[in-house]
Amino acid sequence: MKTNIKATNLELTAEIKKAIEEKIGDLDRFLPDVKTPLEAYIEVARETRHHQKGEIFYAEVNLKIIGEVIRAEAREDNIFKAIGSLRNAIQELLGKYKKKQIAKREKAARIVKEKGNTISA
């Protein structure tokens, strides 16, 4: 998977980059049927809006898959927690995407089978 990482109001350290690659870099294994390489645009940031006490960190991923974009975001008080929450959110969305693709494939197969039965009858 190709990953592009952007940091806003935050220094992108080697630890943060490693955490992102460990947590988000292997998401393509959830979609083994997709033959084209996935592109992930990841942004990590320190929130500047002071709506809560302390520092709030933000992580967002936009995952491009064959003409579609799957997007998730997470806000936590620790950047590593935000990255972990982001992984859980995007993993859930990928599961829904995969189920939707399977349903489309099965529906197309049913239509083909029904048309085959009506032609031969």
N, C-alpha and C. Protein backbone atom coordinates (compact mmCIF):
# COMPACT_ATOMS: atom_id res chain seq x y z
N MET A 1 0.84 -1.16 0.00
CA MET A 1 0.00 0.00 0.00
C MET A 1 0.89 1.23 0.00
N LYS A 2 0.51 2.20 -0.80
CA LYS A 2 1.24 3.47 -0.86
C LYS A 2 0.64 4.41 0.18
N THR A 3 1.48 4.94 1.08
CA THR A 3 0.99 5.84 2.11
C THR A 3 1.65 7.20 1.98
N ASN A 4 0.84 8.23 2.11
CA ASN A 4 1.31 9.61 2.15
C ASN A 4 0.93 10.15 3.52
N ILE A 5 1.92 10.61 4.27
CA ILE A 5 1.67 11.06 5.64
C ILE A 5 1.92 12.56 5.72
N LYS A 6 0.98 13.27 6.34
CA LYS A 6 1.09 14.71 6.51
C LYS A 6 0.91 15.02 8.00
N ALA A 7 1.75 15.89 8.53
CA ALA A 7 1.63 16.30 9.93
C ALA A 7 1.33 17.80 9.97
N THR A 8 0.34 18.18 10.78
CA THR A 8 -0.05 19.57 10.93
C THR A 8 0.06 19.96 12.40
N ASN A 9 0.77 21.04 12.67
CA ASN A 9 0.99 21.53 14.04
C ASN A 9 1.62 20.45 14.92
N LEU A 10 2.41 19.61 14.32
CA LEU A 10 2.99 18.47 15.01
C LEU A 10 4.25 18.04 14.27
N GLU A 11 5.27 17.67 15.01
CA GLU A 11 6.49 17.17 14.39
C GLU A 11 6.30 15.68 14.11
N LEU A 12 6.55 15.29 12.87
CA LEU A 12 6.41 13.89 12.47
C LEU A 12 7.69 13.15 12.84
N THR A 13 7.68 12.56 14.03
CA THR A 13 8.86 11.84 14.51
C THR A 13 8.90 10.43 13.93
N ALA A 14 10.02 9.79 14.10
CA ALA A 14 10.17 8.41 13.62
C ALA A 14 9.21 7.48 14.36
N GLU A 15 8.95 7.74 15.64
CA GLU A 15 8.02 6.90 16.42
C GLU A 15 6.60 6.99 15.87
N ILE A 16 6.18 8.21 15.55
CA ILE A 16 4.83 8.41 15.02
C ILE A 16 4.71 7.75 13.65
N LYS A 17 5.72 7.96 12.82
CA LYS A 17 5.71 7.37 11.49
C LYS A 17 5.68 5.84 11.56
N LYS A 18 6.45 5.27 12.49
CA LYS A 18 6.46 3.82 12.67
C LYS A 18 5.10 3.31 13.13
N ALA A 19 4.47 4.03 14.07
CA ALA A 19 3.14 3.64 14.56
C ALA A 19 2.12 3.68 13.43
N ILE A 20 2.19 4.69 12.58
CA ILE A 20 1.26 4.80 11.46
C ILE A 20 1.47 3.64 10.50
N GLU A 21 2.71 3.35 10.18
CA GLU A 21 2.98 2.26 9.23
C GLU A 21 2.58 0.91 9.80
N GLU A 22 2.75 0.71 11.11
CA GLU A 22 2.35 -0.56 11.72
C GLU A 22 0.84 -0.71 11.76
N LYS A 23 0.15 0.37 12.15
CA LYS A 23 -1.30 0.29 12.35
C LYS A 23 -2.08 0.41 11.04
N ILE A 24 -1.65 1.27 10.14
CA ILE A 24 -2.44 1.56 8.96
C ILE A 24 -1.81 1.02 7.69
N GLY A 25 -0.53 0.80 7.68
CA GLY A 25 0.17 0.36 6.48
C GLY A 25 -0.21 -1.02 5.99
N ASP A 26 -0.78 -1.86 6.84
CA ASP A 26 -1.12 -3.23 6.43
C ASP A 26 -2.62 -3.43 6.21
N LEU A 27 -3.36 -2.37 5.98
CA LEU A 27 -4.81 -2.49 5.80
C LEU A 27 -5.18 -3.17 4.50
N ASP A 28 -4.26 -3.23 3.53
CA ASP A 28 -4.59 -3.88 2.27
C ASP A 28 -4.82 -5.38 2.43
N ARG A 29 -4.39 -5.96 3.54
CA ARG A 29 -4.62 -7.39 3.74
C ARG A 29 -6.09 -7.69 4.03
N PHE A 30 -6.87 -6.65 4.39
CA PHE A 30 -8.30 -6.85 4.61
C PHE A 30 -9.08 -6.92 3.30
N LEU A 31 -8.42 -6.51 2.21
CA LEU A 31 -9.06 -6.54 0.90
C LEU A 31 -8.19 -7.32 -0.07
N PRO A 32 -8.11 -8.63 0.08
CA PRO A 32 -7.23 -9.41 -0.79
C PRO A 32 -7.71 -9.48 -2.23
N ASP A 33 -9.01 -9.23 -2.50
CA ASP A 33 -9.55 -9.32 -3.84
C ASP A 33 -9.18 -8.12 -4.71
N VAL A 34 -8.78 -7.02 -4.09
CA VAL A 34 -8.45 -5.81 -4.83
C VAL A 34 -7.05 -5.97 -5.41
N LYS A 35 -6.97 -5.93 -6.73
CA LYS A 35 -5.69 -6.16 -7.40
C LYS A 35 -4.87 -4.88 -7.57
N THR A 36 -5.53 -3.73 -7.63
CA THR A 36 -4.79 -2.48 -7.79
C THR A 36 -4.21 -2.05 -6.45
N PRO A 37 -3.07 -1.39 -6.46
CA PRO A 37 -2.49 -0.96 -5.19
C PRO A 37 -3.34 0.14 -4.54
N LEU A 38 -3.49 0.04 -3.24
CA LEU A 38 -4.27 1.02 -2.50
C LEU A 38 -3.41 2.24 -2.20
N GLU A 39 -4.07 3.41 -2.10
CA GLU A 39 -3.39 4.63 -1.71
C GLU A 39 -4.04 5.15 -0.45
N ALA A 40 -3.21 5.43 0.55
CA ALA A 40 -3.72 5.96 1.81
C ALA A 40 -3.10 7.33 2.05
N TYR A 41 -3.96 8.31 2.27
CA TYR A 41 -3.52 9.66 2.62
C TYR A 41 -3.84 9.85 4.09
N ILE A 42 -2.80 9.98 4.89
CA ILE A 42 -2.95 10.02 6.35
C ILE A 42 -2.51 11.39 6.84
N GLU A 43 -3.33 11.97 7.70
CA GLU A 43 -2.96 13.25 8.31
C GLU A 43 -3.04 13.09 9.82
N VAL A 44 -1.99 13.50 10.50
CA VAL A 44 -1.98 13.56 11.96
C VAL A 44 -1.76 15.02 12.33
N ALA A 45 -2.43 15.45 13.39
CA ALA A 45 -2.35 16.86 13.74
C ALA A 45 -2.60 17.07 15.23
N ARG A 46 -2.13 18.19 15.71
CA ARG A 46 -2.47 18.66 17.04
C ARG A 46 -3.55 19.70 16.83
N GLU A 47 -4.69 19.49 17.46
CA GLU A 47 -5.82 20.41 17.32
C GLU A 47 -5.45 21.77 17.89
N THR A 48 -5.86 22.81 17.20
CA THR A 48 -5.60 24.16 17.70
C THR A 48 -6.83 24.76 18.35
N ARG A 49 -7.97 24.17 18.10
CA ARG A 49 -9.19 24.65 18.74
C ARG A 49 -9.21 24.15 20.18
N HIS A 50 -9.46 25.02 21.11
CA HIS A 50 -9.38 24.66 22.53
C HIS A 50 -10.78 24.40 23.08
N HIS A 51 -11.39 23.34 22.60
CA HIS A 51 -12.72 23.01 23.07
C HIS A 51 -12.70 22.05 24.26
N GLN A 52 -11.53 21.50 24.56
CA GLN A 52 -11.36 20.63 25.71
C GLN A 52 -10.05 21.01 26.39
N LYS A 53 -9.91 20.61 27.62
CA LYS A 53 -8.66 20.88 28.33
C LYS A 53 -7.55 19.99 27.78
N GLY A 54 -6.35 20.49 27.80
CA GLY A 54 -5.20 19.70 27.35
C GLY A 54 -5.09 19.66 25.84
N GLU A 55 -4.13 18.90 25.39
CA GLU A 55 -3.91 18.77 23.96
C GLU A 55 -4.81 17.68 23.39
N ILE A 56 -5.33 17.94 22.22
CA ILE A 56 -6.15 16.98 21.52
C ILE A 56 -5.46 16.68 20.20
N PHE A 57 -5.29 15.39 19.91
CA PHE A 57 -4.64 14.97 18.67
C PHE A 57 -5.68 14.39 17.73
N TYR A 58 -5.42 14.57 16.47
CA TYR A 58 -6.36 14.22 15.42
C TYR A 58 -5.64 13.35 14.39
N ALA A 59 -6.29 12.29 13.96
CA ALA A 59 -5.74 11.44 12.91
C ALA A 59 -6.85 11.15 11.90
N GLU A 60 -6.50 11.22 10.64
CA GLU A 60 -7.47 11.02 9.57
C GLU A 60 -6.83 10.19 8.47
N VAL A 61 -7.62 9.32 7.86
CA VAL A 61 -7.13 8.55 6.71
C VAL A 61 -8.18 8.60 5.61
N ASN A 62 -7.69 8.83 4.39
CA ASN A 62 -8.50 8.73 3.18
C ASN A 62 -7.89 7.61 2.36
N LEU A 63 -8.64 6.56 2.16
CA LEU A 63 -8.15 5.37 1.48
C LEU A 63 -8.82 5.28 0.11
N LYS A 64 -8.02 5.35 -0.95
CA LYS A 64 -8.56 5.28 -2.30
C LYS A 64 -8.57 3.83 -2.76
N ILE A 65 -9.77 3.37 -3.13
CA ILE A 65 -9.94 2.00 -3.62
C ILE A 65 -10.78 2.06 -4.89
N ILE A 66 -10.20 1.78 -6.01
CA ILE A 66 -10.90 1.64 -7.29
C ILE A 66 -12.05 2.63 -7.46
N GLY A 67 -11.74 3.89 -7.51
CA GLY A 67 -12.75 4.91 -7.76
C GLY A 67 -13.58 5.33 -6.55
N GLU A 68 -13.32 4.77 -5.40
CA GLU A 68 -14.04 5.15 -4.19
C GLU A 68 -13.05 5.62 -3.15
N VAL A 69 -13.54 6.42 -2.21
CA VAL A 69 -12.71 6.89 -1.11
C VAL A 69 -13.38 6.49 0.19
N ILE A 70 -12.63 5.81 1.03
CA ILE A 70 -13.12 5.44 2.35
C ILE A 70 -12.38 6.33 3.34
N ARG A 71 -13.13 7.02 4.20
CA ARG A 71 -12.55 8.02 5.07
C ARG A 71 -12.92 7.75 6.52
N ALA A 72 -11.94 7.92 7.40
CA ALA A 72 -12.19 7.79 8.84
C ALA A 72 -11.33 8.81 9.56
N GLU A 73 -11.78 9.18 10.76
CA GLU A 73 -11.01 10.11 11.58
C GLU A 73 -11.19 9.76 13.05
N ALA A 74 -10.22 10.20 13.85
CA ALA A 74 -10.27 9.94 15.29
C ALA A 74 -9.62 11.09 16.03
N ARG A 75 -10.14 11.40 17.21
CA ARG A 75 -9.57 12.43 18.08
C ARG A 75 -9.36 11.82 19.46
N GLU A 76 -8.16 11.98 19.98
CA GLU A 76 -7.81 11.45 21.30
C GLU A 76 -6.86 12.42 21.99
N ASP A 77 -6.58 12.15 23.28
CA ASP A 77 -5.66 12.99 24.03
C ASP A 77 -4.20 12.57 23.83
N ASN A 78 -3.97 11.50 23.09
CA ASN A 78 -2.63 11.01 22.80
C ASN A 78 -2.58 10.64 21.32
N ILE A 79 -1.52 10.99 20.63
CA ILE A 79 -1.44 10.73 19.20
C ILE A 79 -1.46 9.24 18.89
N PHE A 80 -0.86 8.43 19.74
CA PHE A 80 -0.83 6.99 19.50
C PHE A 80 -2.21 6.36 19.72
N LYS A 81 -2.96 6.90 20.68
CA LYS A 81 -4.35 6.44 20.88
C LYS A 81 -5.20 6.82 19.67
N ALA A 82 -4.95 8.01 19.13
CA ALA A 82 -5.71 8.47 17.96
C ALA A 82 -5.43 7.56 16.76
N ILE A 83 -4.18 7.16 16.59
CA ILE A 83 -3.82 6.27 15.48
C ILE A 83 -4.48 4.90 15.68
N GLY A 84 -4.49 4.39 16.91
CA GLY A 84 -5.15 3.12 17.20
C GLY A 84 -6.65 3.18 16.96
N SER A 85 -7.28 4.27 17.39
CA SER A 85 -8.72 4.44 17.16
C SER A 85 -9.02 4.56 15.67
N LEU A 86 -8.11 5.22 14.97
CA LEU A 86 -8.27 5.37 13.52
C LEU A 86 -8.22 4.01 12.84
N ARG A 87 -7.32 3.16 13.28
CA ARG A 87 -7.23 1.81 12.69
C ARG A 87 -8.53 1.05 12.91
N ASN A 88 -9.08 1.12 14.11
CA ASN A 88 -10.33 0.41 14.38
C ASN A 88 -11.46 0.93 13.50
N ALA A 89 -11.51 2.27 13.34
CA ALA A 89 -12.58 2.86 12.54
C ALA A 89 -12.46 2.47 11.07
N ILE A 90 -11.26 2.55 10.52
CA ILE A 90 -11.08 2.24 9.09
C ILE A 90 -11.24 0.74 8.84
N GLN A 91 -10.86 -0.07 9.81
CA GLN A 91 -11.03 -1.52 9.69
C GLN A 91 -12.52 -1.87 9.61
N GLU A 92 -13.33 -1.21 10.42
CA GLU A 92 -14.77 -1.43 10.40
C GLU A 92 -15.36 -1.01 9.05
N LEU A 93 -14.92 0.14 8.54
CA LEU A 93 -15.42 0.62 7.25
C LEU A 93 -14.98 -0.30 6.10
N LEU A 94 -13.78 -0.84 6.19
CA LEU A 94 -13.31 -1.78 5.16
C LEU A 94 -14.13 -3.06 5.18
N GLY A 95 -14.53 -3.51 6.38
CA GLY A 95 -15.40 -4.68 6.49
C GLY A 95 -16.74 -4.45 5.80
N LYS A 96 -17.31 -3.25 6.01
CA LYS A 96 -18.57 -2.91 5.35
C LYS A 96 -18.40 -2.83 3.85
N TYR A 97 -17.28 -2.25 3.41
CA TYR A 97 -17.00 -2.14 1.97
C TYR A 97 -16.89 -3.53 1.35
N LYS A 98 -16.20 -4.42 2.03
CA LYS A 98 -16.00 -5.77 1.51
C LYS A 98 -17.34 -6.50 1.41
N LYS A 99 -18.20 -6.38 2.43
CA LYS A 99 -19.52 -7.02 2.39
C LYS A 99 -20.36 -6.48 1.24
N LYS A 100 -20.25 -5.17 1.01
CA LYS A 100 -21.00 -4.54 -0.06
C LYS A 100 -20.53 -5.06 -1.42
N GLN A 101 -19.23 -5.22 -1.59
CA GLN A 101 -18.70 -5.74 -2.85
C GLN A 101 -19.13 -7.18 -3.08
N ILE A 102 -19.13 -7.99 -2.03
CA ILE A 102 -19.57 -9.39 -2.14
C ILE A 102 -21.05 -9.43 -2.53
N ALA A 103 -21.86 -8.57 -1.90
CA ALA A 103 -23.29 -8.54 -2.21
C ALA A 103 -23.52 -8.14 -3.67
N LYS A 104 -22.76 -7.19 -4.18
CA LYS A 104 -22.88 -6.79 -5.58
C LYS A 104 -22.52 -7.94 -6.51
N ARG A 105 -21.45 -8.65 -6.18
CA ARG A 105 -21.01 -9.77 -7.00
C ARG A 105 -22.07 -10.88 -7.01
N GLU A 106 -22.64 -11.18 -5.83
CA GLU A 106 -23.66 -12.22 -5.74
C GLU A 106 -24.93 -11.82 -6.49
N LYS A 107 -25.30 -10.55 -6.41
CA LYS A 107 -26.48 -10.07 -7.12
C LYS A 107 -26.28 -10.20 -8.63
N ALA A 108 -25.10 -9.84 -9.11
CA ALA A 108 -24.81 -9.96 -10.53
C ALA A 108 -24.86 -11.42 -10.96
N ALA A 109 -24.36 -12.33 -10.13
CA ALA A 109 -24.39 -13.75 -10.46
C ALA A 109 -25.83 -14.26 -10.50
N ARG A 110 -26.67 -13.80 -9.58
CA ARG A 110 -28.08 -14.20 -9.59
C ARG A 110 -28.78 -13.73 -10.86
N ILE A 111 -28.49 -12.50 -11.26
CA ILE A 111 -29.12 -11.95 -12.47
C ILE A 111 -28.70 -12.75 -13.69
N VAL A 112 -27.43 -13.07 -13.80
CA VAL A 112 -26.94 -13.86 -14.92
C VAL A 112 -27.58 -15.24 -14.91
N LYS A 113 -27.71 -15.85 -13.74
CA LYS A 113 -28.30 -17.18 -13.65
C LYS A 113 -29.77 -17.13 -14.04
N GLU A 114 -30.50 -16.10 -13.58
CA GLU A 114 -31.92 -15.98 -13.91
C GLU A 114 -32.13 -15.76 -15.40
N LYS A 115 -31.27 -14.94 -16.01
CA LYS A 115 -31.39 -14.70 -17.45
C LYS A 115 -31.05 -15.96 -18.23
N GLY A 116 -30.12 -16.74 -17.73
CA GLY A 116 -29.78 -18.02 -18.38
C GLY A 116 -30.94 -18.99 -18.32
N ASN A 117 -31.67 -19.01 -17.20
CA ASN A 117 -32.82 -19.91 -17.07
C ASN A 117 -33.98 -19.47 -17.95
N THR A 118 -34.19 -18.18 -18.10
CA THR A 118 -35.32 -17.71 -18.91
C THR A 118 -35.06 -17.91 -20.40
N ILE A 119 -33.81 -17.85 -20.82
CA ILE A 119 -33.49 -18.04 -22.23
C ILE A 119 -33.67 -19.50 -22.63
N SER A 120 -33.23 -20.42 -21.78
CA SER A 120 -33.32 -21.84 -22.11
C SER A 120 -34.73 -22.39 -21.94
N ALA A 121 -35.60 -21.72 -21.23
CA ALA A 121 -36.94 -22.24 -20.96
C ALA A 121 -37.91 -21.97 -22.06
